[in-house]
C-alpha atoms as a PDB file:
ATOM      1  CA  MET A   1     -16.412  -7.574  -6.902  1.00  0.00           C
ATOM      2  CA  HIS A   2     -14.080  -8.947  -4.240  1.00  0.00           C
ATOM      3  CA  ASP A   3     -15.193 -11.280  -1.498  1.00  0.00           C
ATOM      4  CA  PRO A   4     -15.216  -9.133   1.681  1.00  0.00           C
ATOM      5  CA  LYS A   5     -13.340 -11.929   3.477  1.00  0.00           C
ATOM      6  CA  GLN A   6     -10.442 -11.351   1.086  1.00  0.00           C
ATOM      7  CA  ILE A   7     -10.170  -7.584   1.681  1.00  0.00           C
ATOM      8  CA  ARG A   8      -7.930  -5.998   4.310  1.00  0.00           C
ATOM      9  CA  ASN A   9      -7.907  -2.290   5.163  1.00  0.00           C
ATOM     10  CA  ILE A  10      -4.837  -0.801   6.823  1.00  0.00           C
ATOM     11  CA  ALA A  11      -3.546   2.661   7.633  1.00  0.00           C
ATOM     12  CA  ILE A  12       0.130   3.453   8.070  1.00  0.00           C
ATOM     13  CA  ILE A  13       0.359   5.814  11.046  1.00  0.00           C
ATOM     14  CA  ALA A  14       3.575   6.945  12.738  1.00  0.00           C
ATOM     15  CA  HIS A  15       5.461  10.108  13.628  1.00  0.00           C
ATOM     16  CA  ILE A  16       7.309  12.048  10.917  1.00  0.00           C
ATOM     17  CA  ASP A  17      10.493  10.427   9.516  1.00  0.00           C
ATOM     18  CA  HIS A  18       9.649   6.923  10.673  1.00  0.00           C
ATOM     19  CA  GLY A  19       9.406   5.408   7.191  1.00  0.00           C
ATOM     20  CA  LYS A  20       5.677   5.381   6.421  1.00  0.00           C
ATOM     21  CA  THR A  21       6.049   6.509   2.817  1.00  0.00           C
ATOM     22  CA  THR A  22       9.181   4.393   2.327  1.00  0.00           C
ATOM     23  CA  LEU A  23       7.242   1.356   3.526  1.00  0.00           C
ATOM     24  CA  LEU A  24       4.438   2.121   1.090  1.00  0.00           C
ATOM     25  CA  ASP A  25       6.894   2.662  -1.784  1.00  0.00           C
ATOM     26  CA  ASN A  26       8.403  -0.757  -1.102  1.00  0.00           C
ATOM     27  CA  LEU A  27       5.002  -2.450  -0.831  1.00  0.00           C
ATOM     28  CA  LEU A  28       4.106  -1.023  -4.239  1.00  0.00           C
ATOM     29  CA  LYS A  29       7.393  -2.234  -5.748  1.00  0.00           C
ATOM     30  CA  GLN A  30       7.023  -5.712  -4.227  1.00  0.00           C
ATOM     31  CA  SER A  31       3.480  -6.038  -5.563  1.00  0.00           C
ATOM     32  CA  ASN A  32       4.818  -5.866  -9.143  1.00  0.00           C
ATOM     33  CA  ILE A  33       2.522  -3.075 -10.293  1.00  0.00           C
ATOM     34  CA  PHE A  34       5.424  -1.393 -12.086  1.00  0.00           C
ATOM     35  CA  ARG A  35       7.214  -2.734 -15.148  1.00  0.00           C
ATOM     36  CA  GLU A  36      10.719  -4.038 -14.501  1.00  0.00           C
ATOM     37  CA  ASN A  37      12.287  -1.353 -16.711  1.00  0.00           C
ATOM     38  CA  GLU A  38      10.105   1.470 -15.341  1.00  0.00           C
ATOM     39  CA  LYS A  39      11.854   4.228 -13.412  1.00  0.00           C
ATOM     40  CA  ILE A  40       9.949   4.715 -10.163  1.00  0.00           C
ATOM     41  CA  PRO A  41      10.406   7.954  -8.223  1.00  0.00           C
ATOM     42  CA  GLU A  42      10.910   7.964  -4.472  1.00  0.00           C
ATOM     43  CA  ARG A  43       7.780   8.915  -2.559  1.00  0.00           C
ATOM     44  CA  VAL A  44       5.645   7.853  -5.502  1.00  0.00           C
ATOM     45  CA  MET A  45       2.436   8.700  -3.599  1.00  0.00           C
ATOM     46  CA  ASP A  46       3.572  12.226  -2.644  1.00  0.00           C
ATOM     47  CA  SER A  47       2.285  14.031  -5.723  1.00  0.00           C
ATOM     48  CA  TYR A  48       1.754  17.526  -4.303  1.00  0.00           C
ATOM     49  CA  ASP A  49       4.691  19.881  -5.123  1.00  0.00           C
ATOM     50  CA  GLN A  50       5.126  21.027  -1.533  1.00  0.00           C
ATOM     51  CA  GLU A  51       5.318  17.401  -0.369  1.00  0.00           C
ATOM     52  CA  ARG A  52       8.141  16.696  -2.798  1.00  0.00           C
ATOM     53  CA  GLU A  53       9.989  19.918  -1.905  1.00  0.00           C
ATOM     54  CA  ARG A  54       9.751  19.364   1.852  1.00  0.00           C
ATOM     55  CA  GLY A  55      10.070  15.578   1.750  1.00  0.00           C
ATOM     56  CA  ILE A  56       6.998  15.057   3.930  1.00  0.00           C
ATOM     57  CA  THR A  57       3.483  13.750   3.420  1.00  0.00           C
ATOM     58  CA  ILE A  58       0.888  16.499   3.853  1.00  0.00           C
ATOM     59  CA  PHE A  59      -2.231  14.887   2.386  1.00  0.00           C
ATOM     60  CA  ALA A  60      -3.281  11.326   3.132  1.00  0.00           C
ATOM     61  CA  LYS A  61      -3.400   9.068   0.093  1.00  0.00           C
ATOM     62  CA  HIS A  62      -4.814   5.648  -0.561  1.00  0.00           C
ATOM     63  CA  THR A  63      -3.906   2.782  -2.831  1.00  0.00           C
ATOM     64  CA  CYS A  64      -4.273  -0.958  -2.904  1.00  0.00           C
ATOM     65  CA  VAL A  65      -1.973  -3.888  -3.503  1.00  0.00           C
ATOM     66  CA  TYR A  66      -2.704  -7.549  -4.026  1.00  0.00           C
ATOM     67  CA  TYR A  67      -1.100 -10.311  -2.005  1.00  0.00           C
ATOM     68  CA  LYS A  68      -2.025 -13.884  -2.851  1.00  0.00           C
ATOM     69  CA  ASP A  69      -5.843 -13.833  -2.871  1.00  0.00           C
ATOM     70  CA  PHE A  70      -6.110 -10.680  -0.764  1.00  0.00           C
ATOM     71  CA  LYS A  71      -6.788  -7.112  -1.788  1.00  0.00           C
ATOM     72  CA  ILE A  72      -5.081  -4.790   0.706  1.00  0.00           C
ATOM     73  CA  ASN A  73      -6.358  -1.207   0.820  1.00  0.00           C
ATOM     74  CA  ILE A  74      -3.706   1.092   2.289  1.00  0.00           C
ATOM     75  CA  ILE A  75      -3.848   4.672   3.564  1.00  0.00           C
ATOM     76  CA  ASP A  76      -0.558   6.587   3.881  1.00  0.00           C
ATOM     77  CA  THR A  77      -1.017   9.326   6.481  1.00  0.00           C
ATOM     78  CA  PRO A  78       0.978  12.461   7.325  1.00  0.00           C
ATOM     79  CA  GLY A  79       3.195  12.133  10.390  1.00  0.00           C
ATOM     80  CA  HIS A  80       3.630  15.756  11.439  1.00  0.00           C
ATOM     81  CA  ALA A  81       1.406  17.030  14.259  1.00  0.00           C
ATOM     82  CA  ASP A  82       0.422  20.046  12.126  1.00  0.00           C
ATOM     83  CA  PHE A  83      -1.443  17.665   9.816  1.00  0.00           C
ATOM     84  CA  SER A  84      -3.225  15.578  12.465  1.00  0.00           C
ATOM     85  CA  GLY A  85      -6.553  16.913  11.188  1.00  0.00           C
ATOM     86  CA  GLU A  86      -5.848  15.200   7.869  1.00  0.00           C
ATOM     87  CA  VAL A  87      -5.322  11.886   9.677  1.00  0.00           C
ATOM     88  CA  GLU A  88      -8.580  12.318  11.601  1.00  0.00           C
ATOM     89  CA  ARG A  89     -10.406  13.198   8.384  1.00  0.00           C
ATOM     90  CA  VAL A  90      -9.410  10.062   6.484  1.00  0.00           C
ATOM     91  CA  LEU A  91      -9.832   7.660   9.378  1.00  0.00           C
ATOM     92  CA  GLY A  92     -13.062   9.154  10.748  1.00  0.00           C
END
């Protein structure tokens, strides 16, 4: 169990094509959760076929990374107005 003082919860919220998923991809790479020789796909969190085809996030996803003594819980949200209900659902 983590000390609550060492946990941070963040959500990445911005309009479409402003780099939310790219930011998350880079946070995951920088946190060294992948092996050095492992091939990592772009938009690693976008697992739904339609998300990969269209290049957009449709469903919010969560993950966590560790930085020093902190556990950082992260939510990657869709940026398109058509999916604003998904953002409200995960943040509400």
